[in-house]
C-alpha atoms as a PDB file:
ATOM      1  CA  MET A   1      24.512   0.737   0.063  1.00  0.00           C
ATOM      2  CA  ASN A   2      21.719   0.390  -2.366  1.00  0.00           C
ATOM      3  CA  LYS A   3      18.477   1.931  -0.847  1.00  0.00           C
ATOM      4  CA  LEU A   4      15.250  -0.071  -1.200  1.00  0.00           C
ATOM      5  CA  LYS A   5      12.728   1.582  -3.385  1.00  0.00           C
ATOM      6  CA  LEU A   6       9.681   2.782  -1.816  1.00  0.00           C
ATOM      7  CA  LEU A   7       6.431   3.818  -3.737  1.00  0.00           C
ATOM      8  CA  ALA A   8       4.091   5.987  -1.529  1.00  0.00           C
ATOM      9  CA  VAL A   9       0.558   6.720  -3.081  1.00  0.00           C
ATOM     10  CA  LEU A  10      -1.273   9.038  -1.391  1.00  0.00           C
ATOM     11  CA  VAL A  11      -5.343  10.439  -1.809  1.00  0.00           C
ATOM     12  CA  ASN A  12      -6.198  14.023  -1.412  1.00  0.00           C
ATOM     13  CA  TYR A  13      -9.610  15.357  -1.995  1.00  0.00           C
ATOM     14  CA  GLY A  14      -9.987  19.161  -1.995  1.00  0.00           C
ATOM     15  CA  ASP A  15      -7.925  21.735  -0.240  1.00  0.00           C
ATOM     16  CA  GLU A  16      -9.197  21.628   3.307  1.00  0.00           C
ATOM     17  CA  GLN A  17      -6.241  19.384   4.570  1.00  0.00           C
ATOM     18  CA  LEU A  18      -3.246  20.585   2.112  1.00  0.00           C
ATOM     19  CA  ASN A  19      -1.339  21.789   5.164  1.00  0.00           C
ATOM     20  CA  TYR A  20      -1.324  18.230   6.520  1.00  0.00           C
ATOM     21  CA  LEU A  21      -0.453  16.461   2.992  1.00  0.00           C
ATOM     22  CA  ALA A  22       2.577  18.894   2.797  1.00  0.00           C
ATOM     23  CA  LYS A  23       3.857  17.660   6.282  1.00  0.00           C
ATOM     24  CA  VAL A  24       3.232  13.916   5.146  1.00  0.00           C
ATOM     25  CA  VAL A  25       5.065  14.409   1.759  1.00  0.00           C
ATOM     26  CA  SER A  26       7.924  16.317   3.772  1.00  0.00           C
ATOM     27  CA  GLY A  27       8.220  13.308   6.279  1.00  0.00           C
ATOM     28  CA  LEU A  28       8.451  10.650   3.622  1.00  0.00           C
ATOM     29  CA  LYS A  29      10.934  12.470   1.466  1.00  0.00           C
ATOM     30  CA  SER A  30      13.214  12.700   4.751  1.00  0.00           C
ATOM     31  CA  PHE A  31      13.788   9.045   5.023  1.00  0.00           C
ATOM     32  CA  LYS A  32      17.314   8.356   4.989  1.00  0.00           C
ATOM     33  CA  TYR A  33      17.520   4.609   4.068  1.00  0.00           C
ATOM     34  CA  TYR A  34      14.757   4.248   1.474  1.00  0.00           C
ATOM     35  CA  ASP A  35      14.366   5.850  -2.077  1.00  0.00           C
ATOM     36  CA  VAL A  36      11.222   7.363  -1.782  1.00  0.00           C
ATOM     37  CA  THR A  37       8.930   8.498  -4.808  1.00  0.00           C
ATOM     38  CA  VAL A  38       5.560  10.162  -3.850  1.00  0.00           C
ATOM     39  CA  ILE A  39       2.431  10.005  -6.101  1.00  0.00           C
ATOM     40  CA  VAL A  40      -0.736  11.837  -5.266  1.00  0.00           C
ATOM     41  CA  GLN A  41      -4.101  10.725  -6.640  1.00  0.00           C
ATOM     42  CA  SER A  42      -6.008  14.339  -6.266  1.00  0.00           C
ATOM     43  CA  ASN A  43      -9.285  15.830  -7.678  1.00  0.00           C
ATOM     44  CA  ILE A  44      -7.551  19.340  -7.688  1.00  0.00           C
ATOM     45  CA  ALA A  45      -4.211  20.277  -8.897  1.00  0.00           C
ATOM     46  CA  LEU A  46      -1.750  20.467  -6.149  1.00  0.00           C
ATOM     47  CA  ASN A  47       1.343  22.797  -5.803  1.00  0.00           C
ATOM     48  CA  ILE A  48       3.269  21.050  -3.025  1.00  0.00           C
ATOM     49  CA  GLU A  49       6.911  20.732  -2.819  1.00  0.00           C
ATOM     50  CA  ASN A  50       8.533  17.103  -3.076  1.00  0.00           C
ATOM     51  CA  ILE A  51       5.745  15.561  -4.661  1.00  0.00           C
ATOM     52  CA  ASP A  52       6.794  13.565  -7.667  1.00  0.00           C
ATOM     53  CA  LYS A  53       3.830  13.328  -9.717  1.00  0.00           C
ATOM     54  CA  VAL A  54      -0.109  14.320  -9.095  1.00  0.00           C
ATOM     55  CA  ASN A  55      -2.763  12.551 -11.141  1.00  0.00           C
ATOM     56  CA  ILE A  56      -5.759  14.727 -11.226  1.00  0.00           C
ATOM     57  CA  ILE A  57      -8.940  12.267 -11.217  1.00  0.00           C
ATOM     58  CA  THR A  58     -12.464  13.073 -12.377  1.00  0.00           C
ATOM     59  CA  LEU A  59     -14.937  10.656 -10.986  1.00  0.00           C
ATOM     60  CA  GLU A  60     -18.901  10.648 -10.707  1.00  0.00           C
ATOM     61  CA  ASP A  61     -18.379   8.975  -7.029  1.00  0.00           C
ATOM     62  CA  TYR A  62     -15.220  10.607  -5.258  1.00  0.00           C
ATOM     63  CA  GLN A  63     -15.779   7.890  -2.483  1.00  0.00           C
ATOM     64  CA  LEU A  64     -13.895   5.659  -5.093  1.00  0.00           C
ATOM     65  CA  LEU A  65     -10.792   8.074  -5.230  1.00  0.00           C
ATOM     66  CA  PRO A  66      -8.797   6.155  -2.648  1.00  0.00           C
ATOM     67  CA  LEU A  67      -9.129   3.033  -4.681  1.00  0.00           C
ATOM     68  CA  THR A  68      -7.438   4.617  -7.642  1.00  0.00           C
ATOM     69  CA  CYS A  69      -4.145   4.415  -5.443  1.00  0.00           C
ATOM     70  CA  ARG A  70      -4.213   0.666  -5.474  1.00  0.00           C
ATOM     71  CA  LYS A  71      -4.506   0.694  -9.399  1.00  0.00           C
ATOM     72  CA  VAL A  72      -1.159   3.010  -9.455  1.00  0.00           C
ATOM     73  CA  ILE A  73       0.626   0.637  -6.721  1.00  0.00           C
ATOM     74  CA  TRP A  74      -0.381  -2.621  -8.911  1.00  0.00           C
ATOM     75  CA  ASP A  75       0.701  -0.759 -12.202  1.00  0.00           C
ATOM     76  CA  ASN A  76       4.186  -0.015 -10.618  1.00  0.00           C
ATOM     77  CA  LYS A  77       4.332  -3.559  -8.622  1.00  0.00           C
ATOM     78  CA  ASP A  78       7.676  -4.779 -10.500  1.00  0.00           C
ATOM     79  CA  ASP A  79       9.471  -1.318 -10.022  1.00  0.00           C
ATOM     80  CA  TYR A  80       9.291  -0.949  -6.310  1.00  0.00           C
ATOM     81  CA  ASP A  81      10.491  -3.071  -3.185  1.00  0.00           C
ATOM     82  CA  ILE A  82       8.093  -1.426  -0.900  1.00  0.00           C
ATOM     83  CA  PHE A  83       4.464  -0.205  -1.515  1.00  0.00           C
ATOM     84  CA  LEU A  84       2.575   2.504   1.071  1.00  0.00           C
ATOM     85  CA  PHE A  85      -0.771   3.697   0.533  1.00  0.00           C
ATOM     86  CA  GLY A  86      -1.923   6.749   3.098  1.00  0.00           C
ATOM     87  CA  GLU A  87      -4.859   9.324   3.403  1.00  0.00           C
ATOM     88  CA  ASN A  88      -3.328  12.723   3.066  1.00  0.00           C
ATOM     89  CA  ASP A  89      -3.451  13.405   7.023  1.00  0.00           C
ATOM     90  CA  HIS A  90      -1.582  10.210   8.419  1.00  0.00           C
ATOM     91  CA  LEU A  91       2.038  10.931   9.180  1.00  0.00           C
ATOM     92  CA  PHE A  92       4.298   7.920   8.086  1.00  0.00           C
ATOM     93  CA  LEU A  93       7.538   7.604  10.251  1.00  0.00           C
ATOM     94  CA  GLU A  94      10.526   5.833   8.622  1.00  0.00           C
ATOM     95  CA  ARG A  95      10.371   3.542  11.731  1.00  0.00           C
ATOM     96  CA  HIS A  96       7.097   2.360  10.633  1.00  0.00           C
ATOM     97  CA  ILE A  97       8.599   0.864   7.328  1.00  0.00           C
ATOM     98  CA  ASP A  98      11.731  -0.616   9.343  1.00  0.00           C
ATOM     99  CA  LYS A  99       9.539  -2.400  11.679  1.00  0.00           C
ATOM    100  CA  HIS A 100       7.093  -3.735   8.833  1.00  0.00           C
ATOM    101  CA  LEU A 101       9.988  -5.375   7.220  1.00  0.00           C
ATOM    102  CA  GLU A 102      11.687  -6.426  10.588  1.00  0.00           C
ATOM    103  CA  TYR A 103       8.441  -8.248  11.548  1.00  0.00           C
ATOM    104  CA  GLU A 104       7.856  -9.919   7.819  1.00  0.00           C
ATOM    105  CA  LYS A 105      11.180 -11.704   8.331  1.00  0.00           C
ATOM    106  CA  ILE A 106       9.996 -13.285  11.715  1.00  0.00           C
ATOM    107  CA  LEU A 107       6.209 -13.796  10.999  1.00  0.00           C
ATOM    108  CA  PRO A 108       4.920 -16.768   9.279  1.00  0.00           C
ATOM    109  CA  ASP A 109       3.582 -15.942   5.616  1.00  0.00           C
ATOM    110  CA  ASN A 110       0.054 -15.819   6.619  1.00  0.00           C
ATOM    111  CA  ARG A 111       0.546 -12.968   9.134  1.00  0.00           C
ATOM    112  CA  ILE A 112       1.060  -9.148   8.410  1.00  0.00           C
ATOM    113  CA  THR A 113       1.696  -6.393  10.952  1.00  0.00           C
ATOM    114  CA  GLY A 114      -0.341  -3.178  10.925  1.00  0.00           C
ATOM    115  CA  LEU A 115      -0.445   0.244  12.634  1.00  0.00           C
ATOM    116  CA  ILE A 116      -2.688   1.704  15.349  1.00  0.00           C
ATOM    117  CA  GLN A 117      -4.023   5.255  14.826  1.00  0.00           C
ATOM    118  CA  PHE A 118      -3.706   7.851  17.515  1.00  0.00           C
ATOM    119  CA  GLU A 119      -4.421  11.642  18.316  1.00  0.00           C
ATOM    120  CA  GLU A 120      -2.955  13.626  21.066  1.00  0.00           C
ATOM    121  CA  ASN A 121      -3.369  16.920  22.808  1.00  0.00           C
ATOM    122  CA  GLU A 122      -2.037  18.545  25.886  1.00  0.00           C
ATOM    123  CA  LYS A 123      -4.540  16.505  27.994  1.00  0.00           C
ATOM    124  CA  GLY A 124      -3.148  12.855  26.492  1.00  0.00           C
ATOM    125  CA  ARG A 125      -3.567  10.571  23.683  1.00  0.00           C
ATOM    126  CA  TYR A 126      -6.581   9.182  22.257  1.00  0.00           C
ATOM    127  CA  TYR A 127      -7.056   6.053  19.997  1.00  0.00           C
ATOM    128  CA  PRO A 128     -10.021   6.800  17.216  1.00  0.00           C
ATOM    129  CA  GLY A 129     -10.043   3.261  16.080  1.00  0.00           C
ATOM    130  CA  TYR A 130     -10.921   1.758  19.552  1.00  0.00           C
ATOM    131  CA  HIS A 131     -14.451   2.427  19.584  1.00  0.00           C
ATOM    132  CA  HIS A 132     -18.198   1.030  19.371  1.00  0.00           C
ATOM    133  CA  HIS A 133     -17.888  -2.902  19.379  1.00  0.00           C
ATOM    134  CA  TYR A 134     -14.238  -3.086  18.268  1.00  0.00           C
ATOM    135  CA  ASP A 135     -11.682  -4.407  20.764  1.00  0.00           C
ATOM    136  CA  TRP A 136      -8.505  -6.754  21.134  1.00  0.00           C
ATOM    137  CA  LYS A 137      -8.841 -10.126  20.758  1.00  0.00           C
ATOM    138  CA  TYR A 138      -7.520 -11.191  23.954  1.00  0.00           C
ATOM    139  CA  ASN A 139      -6.899 -14.997  23.078  1.00  0.00           C
ATOM    140  CA  SER A 140      -5.020 -13.833  19.805  1.00  0.00           C
ATOM    141  CA  VAL A 141      -1.432 -13.246  21.477  1.00  0.00           C
ATOM    142  CA  GLU A 142       1.382 -14.695  19.262  1.00  0.00           C
ATOM    143  CA  ILE A 143       5.220 -14.790  20.111  1.00  0.00           C
ATOM    144  CA  TYR A 144       7.796 -14.350  17.654  1.00  0.00           C
ATOM    145  CA  ASN A 145      11.444 -13.978  18.448  1.00  0.00           C
ATOM    146  CA  GLY A 146      10.677 -12.856  21.776  1.00  0.00           C
ATOM    147  CA  LEU A 147       8.167 -10.121  20.424  1.00  0.00           C
ATOM    148  CA  LYS A 148       4.475 -10.290  21.384  1.00  0.00           C
ATOM    149  CA  PHE A 149       1.626  -9.783  18.590  1.00  0.00           C
ATOM    150  CA  ALA A 150      -2.004  -9.568  19.078  1.00  0.00           C
ATOM    151  CA  HIS A 151      -5.210  -8.886  16.545  1.00  0.00           C
ATOM    152  CA  PHE A 152      -7.104  -5.614  16.987  1.00  0.00           C
ATOM    153  CA  SER A 153     -10.668  -6.223  15.606  1.00  0.00           C
ATOM    154  CA  ASN A 154     -10.787  -2.966  13.788  1.00  0.00           C
ATOM    155  CA  THR A 155      -8.765  -3.446  10.902  1.00  0.00           C
ATOM    156  CA  HIS A 156      -9.116   0.275   9.637  1.00  0.00           C
ATOM    157  CA  GLN A 157      -6.177   2.232   9.803  1.00  0.00           C
ATOM    158  CA  ALA A 158      -6.524   4.636   6.839  1.00  0.00           C
ATOM    159  CA  THR A 159      -2.967   3.273   5.358  1.00  0.00           C
ATOM    160  CA  PHE A 160      -1.193   0.041   4.480  1.00  0.00           C
ATOM    161  CA  ILE A 161       2.492  -1.109   3.999  1.00  0.00           C
ATOM    162  CA  LEU A 162       3.180  -3.900   1.987  1.00  0.00           C
ATOM    163  CA  SER A 163       6.315  -5.318   0.536  1.00  0.00           C
ATOM    164  CA  LYS A 164       6.539  -6.551  -2.810  1.00  0.00           C
ATOM    165  CA  ARG A 165       6.069 -10.313  -1.717  1.00  0.00           C
ATOM    166  CA  GLN A 166       2.807  -9.437   0.201  1.00  0.00           C
ATOM    167  CA  LEU A 167       1.484  -7.489  -2.639  1.00  0.00           C
ATOM    168  CA  HIS A 168       1.759 -10.403  -5.113  1.00  0.00           C
ATOM    169  CA  LYS A 169       0.466 -12.624  -2.190  1.00  0.00           C
ATOM    170  CA  ILE A 170      -2.742 -10.362  -1.934  1.00  0.00           C
ATOM    171  CA  ASP A 171      -3.510 -10.181  -5.580  1.00  0.00           C
ATOM    172  CA  ASN A 172      -3.440 -14.177  -5.633  1.00  0.00           C
ATOM    173  CA  ALA A 173      -6.329 -13.687  -2.868  1.00  0.00           C
ATOM    174  CA  PHE A 174      -8.313 -10.982  -4.585  1.00  0.00           C
ATOM    175  CA  ASN A 175      -8.182  -8.567  -7.632  1.00  0.00           C
ATOM    176  CA  PHE A 176      -5.987  -5.706  -6.149  1.00  0.00           C
ATOM    177  CA  ASN A 177      -7.404  -3.362  -8.162  1.00  0.00           C
ATOM    178  CA  SER A 178     -11.273  -3.873  -7.111  1.00  0.00           C
ATOM    179  CA  LEU A 179     -13.018  -3.709  -3.677  1.00  0.00           C
ATOM    180  CA  VAL A 180     -13.847  -7.022  -2.454  1.00  0.00           C
ATOM    181  CA  GLU A 181     -17.835  -7.717  -1.994  1.00  0.00           C
ATOM    182  CA  ASP A 182     -18.280  -8.890   1.467  1.00  0.00           C
ATOM    183  CA  PRO A 183     -19.529 -12.551   1.266  1.00  0.00           C
ATOM    184  CA  SER A 184     -22.169 -11.507   4.091  1.00  0.00           C
ATOM    185  CA  LEU A 185     -23.558  -9.034   1.898  1.00  0.00           C
ATOM    186  CA  SER A 186     -27.310  -9.900   1.399  1.00  0.00           C
ATOM    187  CA  LEU A 187     -29.375  -9.558  -1.678  1.00  0.00           C
ATOM    188  CA  ILE A 188     -31.068  -6.391  -0.136  1.00  0.00           C
ATOM    189  CA  ASP A 189     -27.684  -5.019   0.809  1.00  0.00           C
ATOM    190  CA  LYS A 190     -26.533  -5.345  -2.694  1.00  0.00           C
ATOM    191  CA  VAL A 191     -29.411  -3.354  -4.083  1.00  0.00           C
ATOM    192  CA  PHE A 192     -29.434  -0.656  -1.315  1.00  0.00           C
ATOM    193  CA  ASN A 193     -25.509  -0.273  -2.192  1.00  0.00           C
ATOM    194  CA  LYS A 194     -26.481   0.489  -5.911  1.00  0.00           C
ATOM    195  CA  LEU A 195     -29.058   2.949  -5.109  1.00  0.00           C
ATOM    196  CA  ARG A 196     -26.583   4.550  -2.734  1.00  0.00           C
ATOM    197  CA  ARG A 197     -23.987   4.980  -5.675  1.00  0.00           C
ATOM    198  CA  VAL A 198     -26.498   6.223  -7.994  1.00  0.00           C
ATOM    199  CA  MET A 199     -27.421   8.800  -4.894  1.00  0.00           C
ATOM    200  CA  ARG A 200     -23.473   9.212  -4.511  1.00  0.00           C
ATOM    201  CA  LYS A 201     -23.655   8.437  -0.816  1.00  0.00           C
ATOM    202  CA  PRO A 202     -21.145   6.194   0.922  1.00  0.00           C
ATOM    203  CA  LEU A 203     -21.768   2.305   0.519  1.00  0.00           C
ATOM    204  CA  LYS A 204     -22.233   0.382   3.363  1.00  0.00           C
ATOM    205  CA  TYR A 205     -21.082  -3.078   4.464  1.00  0.00           C
ATOM    206  CA  PRO A 206     -21.898  -5.371   7.266  1.00  0.00           C
ATOM    207  CA  ASN A 207     -18.549  -5.051   8.888  1.00  0.00           C
ATOM    208  CA  ASP A 208     -19.082  -1.379   9.138  1.00  0.00           C
ATOM    209  CA  TYR A 209     -16.457  -0.189   6.526  1.00  0.00           C
ATOM    210  CA  SER A 210     -17.332   2.001   3.943  1.00  0.00           C
ATOM    211  CA  VAL A 211     -15.974   2.224   0.585  1.00  0.00           C
ATOM    212  CA  LYS A 212     -13.135   4.522   1.581  1.00  0.00           C
ATOM    213  CA  CYS A 213     -12.037   2.267   4.626  1.00  0.00           C
ATOM    214  CA  LYS A 214     -12.278  -0.692   2.307  1.00  0.00           C
ATOM    215  CA  VAL A 215      -9.292   0.463   0.307  1.00  0.00           C
ATOM    216  CA  ASN A 216      -7.040  -0.665   3.297  1.00  0.00           C
ATOM    217  CA  THR A 217      -9.446  -3.048   5.351  1.00  0.00           C
ATOM    218  CA  ASP A 218      -9.715  -5.410   2.402  1.00  0.00           C
ATOM    219  CA  ILE A 219      -5.858  -5.873   2.585  1.00  0.00           C
ATOM    220  CA  TYR A 220      -6.311  -7.259   6.146  1.00  0.00           C
ATOM    221  CA  ASP A 221      -9.718  -8.971   5.748  1.00  0.00           C
ATOM    222  CA  TYR A 222      -9.505 -10.979   2.695  1.00  0.00           C
ATOM    223  CA  GLY A 223      -5.738 -10.893   1.701  1.00  0.00           C
ATOM    224  CA  GLY A 224      -4.855 -14.259   3.220  1.00  0.00           C
ATOM    225  CA  MET A 225      -2.795 -12.686   6.228  1.00  0.00           C
ATOM    226  CA  LYS A 226      -4.101 -12.160   9.731  1.00  0.00           C
ATOM    227  CA  LYS A 227      -3.423  -8.623  10.839  1.00  0.00           C
ATOM    228  CA  LEU A 228      -1.259  -8.258  14.009  1.00  0.00           C
ATOM    229  CA  ILE A 229       0.031  -5.312  16.055  1.00  0.00           C
ATOM    230  CA  CYS A 230       3.275  -5.669  17.856  1.00  0.00           C
ATOM    231  CA  ILE A 231       2.289  -4.937  21.494  1.00  0.00           C
ATOM    232  CA  SER A 232       5.619  -5.278  22.949  1.00  0.00           C
ATOM    233  CA  GLU A 233       6.951  -2.378  20.629  1.00  0.00           C
ATOM    234  CA  PHE A 234       3.563  -0.675  20.706  1.00  0.00           C
ATOM    235  CA  GLU A 235       4.735   2.701  20.605  1.00  0.00           C
ATOM    236  CA  GLU A 236       6.831   1.795  17.339  1.00  0.00           C
ATOM    237  CA  ASN A 237       3.635   1.000  15.688  1.00  0.00           C
ATOM    238  CA  LEU A 238       1.446   4.083  16.346  1.00  0.00           C
ATOM    239  CA  ILE A 239       0.521   6.300  13.485  1.00  0.00           C
ATOM    240  CA  HIS A 240      -0.496  10.016  13.926  1.00  0.00           C
ATOM    241  CA  HIS A 241      -3.824  11.191  12.546  1.00  0.00           C
ATOM    242  CA  LEU A 242      -2.678  14.949  12.386  1.00  0.00           C
ATOM    243  CA  PRO A 243      -6.136  16.715  12.373  1.00  0.00           C
ATOM    244  CA  ASN A 244      -7.128  15.619  15.878  1.00  0.00           C
ATOM    245  CA  ILE A 245     -10.692  15.906  15.192  1.00  0.00           C
ATOM    246  CA  TYR A 246     -11.659  13.119  17.374  1.00  0.00           C
ATOM    247  CA  ILE A 247      -9.905  13.950  20.682  1.00  0.00           C
ATOM    248  CA  ASP A 248     -10.755  17.506  20.418  1.00  0.00           C
ATOM    249  CA  GLY A 249     -14.430  17.067  19.117  1.00  0.00           C
ATOM    250  CA  LEU A 250     -13.890  18.948  16.118  1.00  0.00           C
ATOM    251  CA  LYS A 251     -16.404  19.288  13.110  1.00  0.00           C
ATOM    252  CA  GLY A 252     -18.981  17.471  14.842  1.00  0.00           C
ATOM    253  CA  ARG A 253     -17.077  14.371  15.340  1.00  0.00           C
ATOM    254  CA  ASN A 254     -18.184  12.454  18.311  1.00  0.00           C
ATOM    255  CA  LYS A 255     -15.644  11.374  20.932  1.00  0.00           C
ATOM    256  CA  PHE A 256     -15.727   7.595  21.319  1.00  0.00           C
ATOM    257  CA  ARG A 257     -14.413   5.640  24.164  1.00  0.00           C
ATOM    258  CA  SER A 258     -11.052   5.671  22.754  1.00  0.00           C
ATOM    259  CA  HIS A 259      -9.266   7.409  25.593  1.00  0.00           C
ATOM    260  CA  GLU A 260      -5.734   6.308  26.659  1.00  0.00           C
ATOM    261  CA  ASP A 261      -6.581   4.536  29.875  1.00  0.00           C
ATOM    262  CA  ARG A 262      -8.549   2.116  28.331  1.00  0.00           C
ATOM    263  CA  MET A 263      -5.680   1.189  25.726  1.00  0.00           C
ATOM    264  CA  ASN A 264      -3.227   1.138  28.631  1.00  0.00           C
ATOM    265  CA  ALA A 265      -5.349  -1.403  30.671  1.00  0.00           C
ATOM    266  CA  ALA A 266      -5.848  -3.588  27.494  1.00  0.00           C
ATOM    267  CA  LEU A 267      -2.241  -3.704  26.728  1.00  0.00           C
ATOM    268  CA  LYS A 268      -1.427  -4.758  30.258  1.00  0.00           C
ATOM    269  CA  LYS A 269      -3.912  -7.630  30.122  1.00  0.00           C
ATOM    270  CA  LEU A 270      -2.279  -8.688  26.553  1.00  0.00           C
ATOM    271  CA  LEU A 271       0.969  -8.704  27.734  1.00  0.00           C
ATOM    272  CA  ASN A 272       0.456 -10.189  30.991  1.00  0.00           C
END
């Protein structure tokens, strides 16, 4: 049996989370049914087992380091069947790939599935993306092959998975190597973003996504495919944010309204 070729391109900044990166790489290399190549874009040299290639990147603005991952993917667009981007602390499982490909076969061409981030500790589970004004679109439920899907308004997941077909479809919608300039960005916003670049501060966009976030949110917001989450197989489509900094309130991170009870109530409403 010929294995599908999967290119995983990860981003790493500094040495603070190398233990998570090692776990993510080990997990990817344990996949049984995919031939996985792992490339890491990093600002420092790495000595982590199973990484196939480390590209050491020097930039004036390291907010743009994740974007270099999209260029690596595009440069290898003809050599792999599946493409994956991730930050260094999100744990991919083989079932994430299995389900993505399974759903692609039953969804219309203008739909794409994604993942929901979670954290957990001894007290339960937490969903960092379920905060502020973000929520499920309760009128967005769609059914395909008996499976229910719905749209979650926060398209950020710090990762993406794309088939070769989806990658080329997205590049037809926008330049895959560049961030999309939000069409609602005013002239004043553009001027302030230029100033923030000079000051080396994160750029701000009206949709609340920073430059780092836009590396994955562009895929879902401007790629010509509506992002859906399979809610009838919800557990299969969760990805663990390993540091658990939100659920534990570490490093000054605020605990949001992201608790398990809120998500369970929302899913019950959607499924019914």
